[in-house]
């Protein structure tokens, strides 16, 4: 995938989180997906990401992420919120 496509996926995942649309996770996250989150352990694959999103949404249903900057290189994408 191109850098632009990888960034677009991150934007779509962020929107899915904000809207609570967990079905999108299965469409966008591949089996080798890894979320390196500073508050805990890494999240792996669609099932892990779905669970991660659900946990945060249950604890903080009004939480919204606003992307300030997206950086991409190869297949790695970093987001500053």
PDB file of N, CA and C in Angstrom:
ATOM      1  N   UNK A   1       0.842  -1.191   0.000  1.00  0.00           N
ATOM      2  CA  UNK A   1       0.000   0.000   0.000  1.00  0.00           C
ATOM      3  C   UNK A   1       0.878   1.242   0.000  1.00  0.00           C
ATOM      4  N   UNK A   2       0.328   2.302  -0.543  1.00  0.00           N
ATOM      5  CA  UNK A   2       1.056   3.563  -0.569  1.00  0.00           C
ATOM      6  C   UNK A   2       0.967   4.249   0.800  1.00  0.00           C
ATOM      7  N   UNK A   3       1.820   5.244   1.000  1.00  0.00           N
ATOM      8  CA  UNK A   3       1.770   6.011   2.250  1.00  0.00           C
ATOM      9  C   UNK A   3       0.414   6.691   2.404  1.00  0.00           C
ATOM     10  N   UNK A   4      -0.116   7.213   1.306  1.00  0.00           N
ATOM     11  CA  UNK A   4      -1.424   7.881   1.362  1.00  0.00           C
ATOM     12  C   UNK A   4      -2.527   6.897   1.756  1.00  0.00           C
ATOM     13  N   UNK A   5      -2.466   5.678   1.227  1.00  0.00           N
ATOM     14  CA  UNK A   5      -3.469   4.666   1.588  1.00  0.00           C
ATOM     15  C   UNK A   5      -3.360   4.284   3.058  1.00  0.00           C
ATOM     16  N   UNK A   6      -2.131   4.131   3.555  1.00  0.00           N
ATOM     17  CA  UNK A   6      -1.938   3.793   4.967  1.00  0.00           C
ATOM     18  C   UNK A   6      -2.458   4.906   5.871  1.00  0.00           C
ATOM     19  N   UNK A   7      -2.198   6.150   5.501  1.00  0.00           N
ATOM     20  CA  UNK A   7      -2.712   7.276   6.282  1.00  0.00           C
ATOM     21  C   UNK A   7      -4.242   7.309   6.253  1.00  0.00           C
ATOM     22  N   UNK A   8      -4.815   7.014   5.104  1.00  0.00           N
ATOM     23  CA  UNK A   8      -6.274   7.011   4.975  1.00  0.00           C
ATOM     24  C   UNK A   8      -6.897   5.949   5.879  1.00  0.00           C
ATOM     25  N   UNK A   9      -6.254   4.797   5.989  1.00  0.00           N
ATOM     26  CA  UNK A   9      -6.761   3.745   6.871  1.00  0.00           C
ATOM     27  C   UNK A   9      -6.753   4.219   8.320  1.00  0.00           C
ATOM     28  N   UNK A  10      -5.694   4.894   8.719  1.00  0.00           N
ATOM     29  CA  UNK A  10      -5.622   5.407  10.094  1.00  0.00           C
ATOM     30  C   UNK A  10      -6.716   6.436  10.333  1.00  0.00           C
ATOM     31  N   UNK A  11      -6.965   7.294   9.360  1.00  0.00           N
ATOM     32  CA  UNK A  11      -8.059   8.273   9.498  1.00  0.00           C
ATOM     33  C   UNK A  11      -9.406   7.552   9.632  1.00  0.00           C
ATOM     34  N   UNK A  12      -9.620   6.513   8.814  1.00  0.00           N
ATOM     35  CA  UNK A  12     -10.873   5.766   8.874  1.00  0.00           C
ATOM     36  C   UNK A  12     -11.025   5.059  10.216  1.00  0.00           C
ATOM     37  N   UNK A  13      -9.941   4.490  10.734  1.00  0.00           N
ATOM     38  CA  UNK A  13     -10.004   3.828  12.038  1.00  0.00           C
ATOM     39  C   UNK A  13     -10.292   4.840  13.148  1.00  0.00           C
ATOM     40  N   UNK A  14      -9.702   6.018  13.054  1.00  0.00           N
ATOM     41  CA  UNK A  14      -9.963   7.064  14.043  1.00  0.00           C
ATOM     42  C   UNK A  14     -11.432   7.486  13.990  1.00  0.00           C
ATOM     43  N   UNK A  15     -11.961   7.668  12.789  1.00  0.00           N
ATOM     44  CA  UNK A  15     -13.380   8.010  12.652  1.00  0.00           C
ATOM     45  C   UNK A  15     -14.266   6.894  13.188  1.00  0.00           C
ATOM     46  N   UNK A  16     -13.894   5.654  12.923  1.00  0.00           N
ATOM     47  CA  UNK A  16     -14.672   4.509  13.431  1.00  0.00           C
ATOM     48  C   UNK A  16     -14.692   4.517  14.952  1.00  0.00           C
ATOM     49  N   UNK A  17     -13.536   4.784  15.572  1.00  0.00           N
ATOM     50  CA  UNK A  17     -13.480   4.874  17.030  1.00  0.00           C
ATOM     51  C   UNK A  17     -14.403   5.985  17.520  1.00  0.00           C
ATOM     52  N   UNK A  18     -14.287   7.161  16.910  1.00  0.00           N
ATOM     53  CA  UNK A  18     -15.089   8.306  17.341  1.00  0.00           C
ATOM     54  C   UNK A  18     -16.584   8.044  17.222  1.00  0.00           C
ATOM     55  N   UNK A  19     -16.972   7.294  16.204  1.00  0.00           N
ATOM     56  CA  UNK A  19     -18.390   7.020  15.954  1.00  0.00           C
ATOM     57  C   UNK A  19     -18.864   5.730  16.622  1.00  0.00           C
ATOM     58  N   UNK A  20     -17.942   4.954  17.171  1.00  0.00           N
ATOM     59  CA  UNK A  20     -18.313   3.682  17.786  1.00  0.00           C
ATOM     60  C   UNK A  20     -18.667   2.618  16.762  1.00  0.00           C
ATOM     61  N   UNK A  21     -18.161   2.747  15.540  1.00  0.00           N
ATOM     62  CA  UNK A  21     -18.449   1.808  14.460  1.00  0.00           C
ATOM     63  C   UNK A  21     -17.386   0.713  14.430  1.00  0.00           C
ATOM     64  N   UNK A  22     -17.574  -0.300  15.274  1.00  0.00           N
ATOM     65  CA  UNK A  22     -16.567  -1.357  15.400  1.00  0.00           C
ATOM     66  C   UNK A  22     -16.536  -2.303  14.210  1.00  0.00           C
ATOM     67  N   UNK A  23     -17.581  -2.322  13.391  1.00  0.00           N
ATOM     68  CA  UNK A  23     -17.599  -3.195  12.217  1.00  0.00           C
ATOM     69  C   UNK A  23     -16.519  -2.818  11.209  1.00  0.00           C
ATOM     70  N   UNK A  24     -16.166  -1.551  11.157  1.00  0.00           N
ATOM     71  CA  UNK A  24     -15.149  -1.082  10.223  1.00  0.00           C
ATOM     72  C   UNK A  24     -13.785  -1.697  10.535  1.00  0.00           C
ATOM     73  N   UNK A  25     -13.551  -2.014  11.791  1.00  0.00           N
ATOM     74  CA  UNK A  25     -12.266  -2.581  12.199  1.00  0.00           C
ATOM     75  C   UNK A  25     -11.948  -3.838  11.401  1.00  0.00           C
ATOM     76  N   UNK A  26     -12.917  -4.712  11.229  1.00  0.00           N
ATOM     77  CA  UNK A  26     -12.679  -5.952  10.495  1.00  0.00           C
ATOM     78  C   UNK A  26     -12.349  -5.703   9.028  1.00  0.00           C
ATOM     79  N   UNK A  27     -12.835  -4.606   8.481  1.00  0.00           N
ATOM     80  CA  UNK A  27     -12.559  -4.260   7.092  1.00  0.00           C
ATOM     81  C   UNK A  27     -11.173  -3.643   6.915  1.00  0.00           C
ATOM     82  N   UNK A  28     -10.681  -2.949   7.934  1.00  0.00           N
ATOM     83  CA  UNK A  28      -9.461  -2.158   7.777  1.00  0.00           C
ATOM     84  C   UNK A  28      -8.214  -2.757   8.419  1.00  0.00           C
ATOM     85  N   UNK A  29      -8.358  -3.457   9.514  1.00  0.00           N
ATOM     86  CA  UNK A  29      -7.194  -3.996  10.228  1.00  0.00           C
ATOM     87  C   UNK A  29      -6.868  -5.404   9.723  1.00  0.00           C
ATOM     88  N   UNK A  30      -5.623  -5.616   9.356  1.00  0.00           N
ATOM     89  CA  UNK A  30      -5.184  -6.924   8.879  1.00  0.00           C
ATOM     90  C   UNK A  30      -4.729  -7.781  10.055  1.00  0.00           C
ATOM     91  N   UNK A  31      -4.478  -9.039   9.793  1.00  0.00           N
ATOM     92  CA  UNK A  31      -4.069  -9.952  10.864  1.00  0.00           C
ATOM     93  C   UNK A  31      -2.718  -9.564  11.475  1.00  0.00           C
ATOM     94  N   UNK A  32      -1.884  -8.833  10.724  1.00  0.00           N
ATOM     95  CA  UNK A  32      -0.583  -8.424  11.262  1.00  0.00           C
ATOM     96  C   UNK A  32      -0.596  -6.981  11.792  1.00  0.00           C
ATOM     97  N   UNK A  33      -1.777  -6.409  11.939  1.00  0.00           N
ATOM     98  CA  UNK A  33      -1.930  -5.068  12.491  1.00  0.00           C
ATOM     99  C   UNK A  33      -1.426  -5.035  13.932  1.00  0.00           C
ATOM    100  N   UNK A  34      -0.680  -3.969  14.290  1.00  0.00           N
ATOM    101  CA  UNK A  34      -0.230  -3.767  15.671  1.00  0.00           C
ATOM    102  C   UNK A  34      -0.432  -2.298  16.033  1.00  0.00           C
ATOM    103  N   UNK A  35      -1.103  -2.079  17.150  1.00  0.00           N
ATOM    104  CA  UNK A  35      -1.247  -0.738  17.712  1.00  0.00           C
ATOM    105  C   UNK A  35      -0.331  -0.665  18.919  1.00  0.00           C
ATOM    106  N   UNK A  36       0.655   0.219  18.847  1.00  0.00           N
ATOM    107  CA  UNK A  36       1.562   0.434  19.984  1.00  0.00           C
ATOM    108  C   UNK A  36       0.962   1.577  20.802  1.00  0.00           C
ATOM    109  N   UNK A  37       0.330   1.223  21.903  1.00  0.00           N
ATOM    110  CA  UNK A  37      -0.378   2.213  22.714  1.00  0.00           C
ATOM    111  C   UNK A  37       0.428   2.507  23.976  1.00  0.00           C
ATOM    112  N   UNK A  38       0.621   3.788  24.306  1.00  0.00           N
ATOM    113  CA  UNK A  38       1.445   4.143  25.460  1.00  0.00           C
ATOM    114  C   UNK A  38       0.843   3.775  26.813  1.00  0.00           C
ATOM    115  N   UNK A  39      -0.445   3.476  26.867  1.00  0.00           N
ATOM    116  CA  UNK A  39      -1.088   3.191  28.149  1.00  0.00           C
ATOM    117  C   UNK A  39      -1.168   1.710  28.492  1.00  0.00           C
ATOM    118  N   UNK A  40      -0.617   0.873  27.670  1.00  0.00           N
ATOM    119  CA  UNK A  40      -0.713  -0.551  27.960  1.00  0.00           C
ATOM    120  C   UNK A  40       0.049  -1.384  26.955  1.00  0.00           C
ATOM    121  N   UNK A  41      -0.344  -2.631  26.874  1.00  0.00           N
ATOM    122  CA  UNK A  41       0.313  -3.553  25.962  1.00  0.00           C
ATOM    123  C   UNK A  41      -0.091  -3.280  24.521  1.00  0.00           C
ATOM    124  N   UNK A  42       0.727  -3.767  23.591  1.00  0.00           N
ATOM    125  CA  UNK A  42       0.397  -3.644  22.182  1.00  0.00           C
ATOM    126  C   UNK A  42      -0.905  -4.383  21.884  1.00  0.00           C
ATOM    127  N   UNK A  43      -1.624  -3.884  20.902  1.00  0.00           N
ATOM    128  CA  UNK A  43      -2.885  -4.469  20.461  1.00  0.00           C
ATOM    129  C   UNK A  43      -2.623  -5.123  19.107  1.00  0.00           C
ATOM    130  N   UNK A  44      -3.041  -6.382  18.947  1.00  0.00           N
ATOM    131  CA  UNK A  44      -2.741  -7.138  17.729  1.00  0.00           C
ATOM    132  C   UNK A  44      -4.006  -7.560  16.998  1.00  0.00           C
ATOM    133  N   UNK A  45      -4.011  -7.361  15.678  1.00  0.00           N
ATOM    134  CA  UNK A  45      -5.051  -7.874  14.800  1.00  0.00           C
ATOM    135  C   UNK A  45      -6.406  -7.217  14.986  1.00  0.00           C
ATOM    136  N   UNK A  46      -7.346  -7.575  14.116  1.00  0.00           N
ATOM    137  CA  UNK A  46      -8.689  -6.986  14.189  1.00  0.00           C
ATOM    138  C   UNK A  46      -9.420  -7.289  15.497  1.00  0.00           C
ATOM    139  N   UNK A  47      -9.308  -8.511  15.987  1.00  0.00           N
ATOM    140  CA  UNK A  47     -10.011  -8.862  17.234  1.00  0.00           C
ATOM    141  C   UNK A  47      -9.474  -8.053  18.406  1.00  0.00           C
ATOM    142  N   UNK A  48      -8.166  -7.891  18.468  1.00  0.00           N
ATOM    143  CA  UNK A  48      -7.561  -7.097  19.537  1.00  0.00           C
ATOM    144  C   UNK A  48      -7.961  -5.636  19.457  1.00  0.00           C
ATOM    145  N   UNK A  49      -7.982  -5.098  18.236  1.00  0.00           N
ATOM    146  CA  UNK A  49      -8.358  -3.694  18.062  1.00  0.00           C
ATOM    147  C   UNK A  49      -9.829  -3.476  18.381  1.00  0.00           C
ATOM    148  N   UNK A  50     -10.664  -4.409  17.965  1.00  0.00           N
ATOM    149  CA  UNK A  50     -12.096  -4.319  18.270  1.00  0.00           C
ATOM    150  C   UNK A  50     -12.314  -4.307  19.785  1.00  0.00           C
ATOM    151  N   UNK A  51     -11.628  -5.188  20.498  1.00  0.00           N
ATOM    152  CA  UNK A  51     -11.744  -5.255  21.949  1.00  0.00           C
ATOM    153  C   UNK A  51     -11.224  -3.971  22.601  1.00  0.00           C
ATOM    154  N   UNK A  52     -10.112  -3.473  22.102  1.00  0.00           N
ATOM    155  CA  UNK A  52      -9.510  -2.235  22.604  1.00  0.00           C
ATOM    156  C   UNK A  52     -10.491  -1.069  22.440  1.00  0.00           C
ATOM    157  N   UNK A  53     -11.044  -0.926  21.233  1.00  0.00           N
ATOM    158  CA  UNK A  53     -12.014   0.135  20.979  1.00  0.00           C
ATOM    159  C   UNK A  53     -13.224  -0.001  21.901  1.00  0.00           C
ATOM    160  N   UNK A  54     -13.752  -1.214  22.014  1.00  0.00           N
ATOM    161  CA  UNK A  54     -14.948  -1.446  22.824  1.00  0.00           C
ATOM    162  C   UNK A  54     -14.700  -1.092  24.286  1.00  0.00           C
ATOM    163  N   UNK A  55     -13.543  -1.457  24.796  1.00  0.00           N
ATOM    164  CA  UNK A  55     -13.202  -1.165  26.193  1.00  0.00           C
ATOM    165  C   UNK A  55     -13.155   0.337  26.441  1.00  0.00           C
ATOM    166  N   UNK A  56     -12.456   1.075  25.561  1.00  0.00           N
ATOM    167  CA  UNK A  56     -12.363   2.521  25.720  1.00  0.00           C
ATOM    168  C   UNK A  56     -13.719   3.187  25.552  1.00  0.00           C
ATOM    169  N   UNK A  57     -14.502   2.737  24.569  1.00  0.00           N
ATOM    170  CA  UNK A  57     -15.813   3.341  24.325  1.00  0.00           C
ATOM    171  C   UNK A  57     -16.767   3.085  25.492  1.00  0.00           C
ATOM    172  N   UNK A  58     -16.646   1.915  26.115  1.00  0.00           N
ATOM    173  CA  UNK A  58     -17.500   1.624  27.264  1.00  0.00           C
ATOM    174  C   UNK A  58     -17.114   2.505  28.452  1.00  0.00           C
ATOM    175  N   UNK A  59     -15.827   2.672  28.677  1.00  0.00           N
ATOM    176  CA  UNK A  59     -15.364   3.475  29.808  1.00  0.00           C
ATOM    177  C   UNK A  59     -15.587   4.972  29.582  1.00  0.00           C
ATOM    178  N   UNK A  60     -15.412   5.415  28.345  1.00  0.00           N
ATOM    179  CA  UNK A  60     -15.523   6.842  28.022  1.00  0.00           C
ATOM    180  C   UNK A  60     -16.298   7.010  26.714  1.00  0.00           C
ATOM    181  N   UNK A  61     -17.603   6.852  26.736  1.00  0.00           N
ATOM    182  CA  UNK A  61     -18.391   6.869  25.497  1.00  0.00           C
ATOM    183  C   UNK A  61     -18.352   8.189  24.733  1.00  0.00           C
ATOM    184  N   UNK A  62     -18.030   9.275  25.395  1.00  0.00           N
ATOM    185  CA  UNK A  62     -17.982  10.577  24.722  1.00  0.00           C
ATOM    186  C   UNK A  62     -16.582  10.935  24.225  1.00  0.00           C
ATOM    187  N   UNK A  63     -15.616  10.068  24.437  1.00  0.00           N
ATOM    188  CA  UNK A  63     -14.234  10.339  24.029  1.00  0.00           C
ATOM    189  C   UNK A  63     -14.142  10.446  22.509  1.00  0.00           C
ATOM    190  N   UNK A  64     -13.430  11.459  22.045  1.00  0.00           N
ATOM    191  CA  UNK A  64     -13.195  11.657  20.615  1.00  0.00           C
ATOM    192  C   UNK A  64     -11.722  11.954  20.404  1.00  0.00           C
ATOM    193  N   UNK A  65     -11.182  11.423  19.333  1.00  0.00           N
ATOM    194  CA  UNK A  65      -9.791  11.702  18.966  1.00  0.00           C
ATOM    195  C   UNK A  65      -9.777  12.679  17.801  1.00  0.00           C
ATOM    196  N   UNK A  66      -8.915  13.667  17.891  1.00  0.00           N
ATOM    197  CA  UNK A  66      -8.683  14.596  16.790  1.00  0.00           C
ATOM    198  C   UNK A  66      -7.231  14.420  16.358  1.00  0.00           C
ATOM    199  N   UNK A  67      -7.040  14.119  15.111  1.00  0.00           N
ATOM    200  CA  UNK A  67      -5.686  13.909  14.593  1.00  0.00           C
ATOM    201  C   UNK A  67      -5.049  15.263  14.323  1.00  0.00           C
ATOM    202  N   UNK A  68      -3.880  15.483  14.897  1.00  0.00           N
ATOM    203  CA  UNK A  68      -3.122  16.707  14.668  1.00  0.00           C
ATOM    204  C   UNK A  68      -2.133  16.526  13.514  1.00  0.00           C
ATOM    205  N   UNK A  69      -1.550  15.320  13.455  1.00  0.00           N
ATOM    206  CA  UNK A  69      -0.538  15.054  12.433  1.00  0.00           C
ATOM    207  C   UNK A  69      -0.430  13.550  12.225  1.00  0.00           C
ATOM    208  N   UNK A  70      -0.230  13.152  10.971  1.00  0.00           N
ATOM    209  CA  UNK A  70       0.018  11.750  10.648  1.00  0.00           C
ATOM    210  C   UNK A  70       1.343  11.670   9.900  1.00  0.00           C
ATOM    211  N   UNK A  71       2.213  10.798  10.373  1.00  0.00           N
ATOM    212  CA  UNK A  71       3.493  10.539   9.711  1.00  0.00           C
ATOM    213  C   UNK A  71       3.515   9.096   9.262  1.00  0.00           C
ATOM    214  N   UNK A  72       4.052   8.846   8.078  1.00  0.00           N
ATOM    215  CA  UNK A  72       4.104   7.475   7.567  1.00  0.00           C
ATOM    216  C   UNK A  72       5.432   7.239   6.872  1.00  0.00           C
ATOM    217  N   UNK A  73       5.926   6.030   7.055  1.00  0.00           N
ATOM    218  CA  UNK A  73       7.127   5.581   6.364  1.00  0.00           C
ATOM    219  C   UNK A  73       7.006   4.074   6.204  1.00  0.00           C
ATOM    220  N   UNK A  74       7.098   3.595   4.989  1.00  0.00           N
ATOM    221  CA  UNK A  74       6.910   2.171   4.745  1.00  0.00           C
ATOM    222  C   UNK A  74       5.507   1.764   5.161  1.00  0.00           C
ATOM    223  N   UNK A  75       5.434   0.740   6.001  1.00  0.00           N
ATOM    224  CA  UNK A  75       4.109   0.303   6.469  1.00  0.00           C
ATOM    225  C   UNK A  75       3.833   0.737   7.903  1.00  0.00           C
ATOM    226  N   UNK A  76       4.577   1.731   8.378  1.00  0.00           N
ATOM    227  CA  UNK A  76       4.405   2.256   9.738  1.00  0.00           C
ATOM    228  C   UNK A  76       3.757   3.634   9.664  1.00  0.00           C
ATOM    229  N   UNK A  77       2.715   3.818  10.479  1.00  0.00           N
ATOM    230  CA  UNK A  77       2.017   5.107  10.542  1.00  0.00           C
ATOM    231  C   UNK A  77       1.985   5.547  12.002  1.00  0.00           C
ATOM    232  N   UNK A  78       2.355   6.796  12.247  1.00  0.00           N
ATOM    233  CA  UNK A  78       2.324   7.362  13.594  1.00  0.00           C
ATOM    234  C   UNK A  78       1.360   8.547  13.595  1.00  0.00           C
ATOM    235  N   UNK A  79       0.626   8.690  14.699  1.00  0.00           N
ATOM    236  CA  UNK A  79      -0.366   9.756  14.806  1.00  0.00           C
ATOM    237  C   UNK A  79      -0.064  10.598  16.041  1.00  0.00           C
ATOM    238  N   UNK A  80      -0.133  11.915  15.844  1.00  0.00           N
ATOM    239  CA  UNK A  80      -0.060  12.829  16.989  1.00  0.00           C
ATOM    240  C   UNK A  80      -1.445  13.384  17.177  1.00  0.00           C
ATOM    241  N   UNK A  81      -1.964  13.183  18.386  1.00  0.00           N
ATOM    242  CA  UNK A  81      -3.329  13.627  18.699  1.00  0.00           C
ATOM    243  C   UNK A  81      -3.274  14.823  19.607  1.00  0.00           C
TER     244      UNK A  81
END
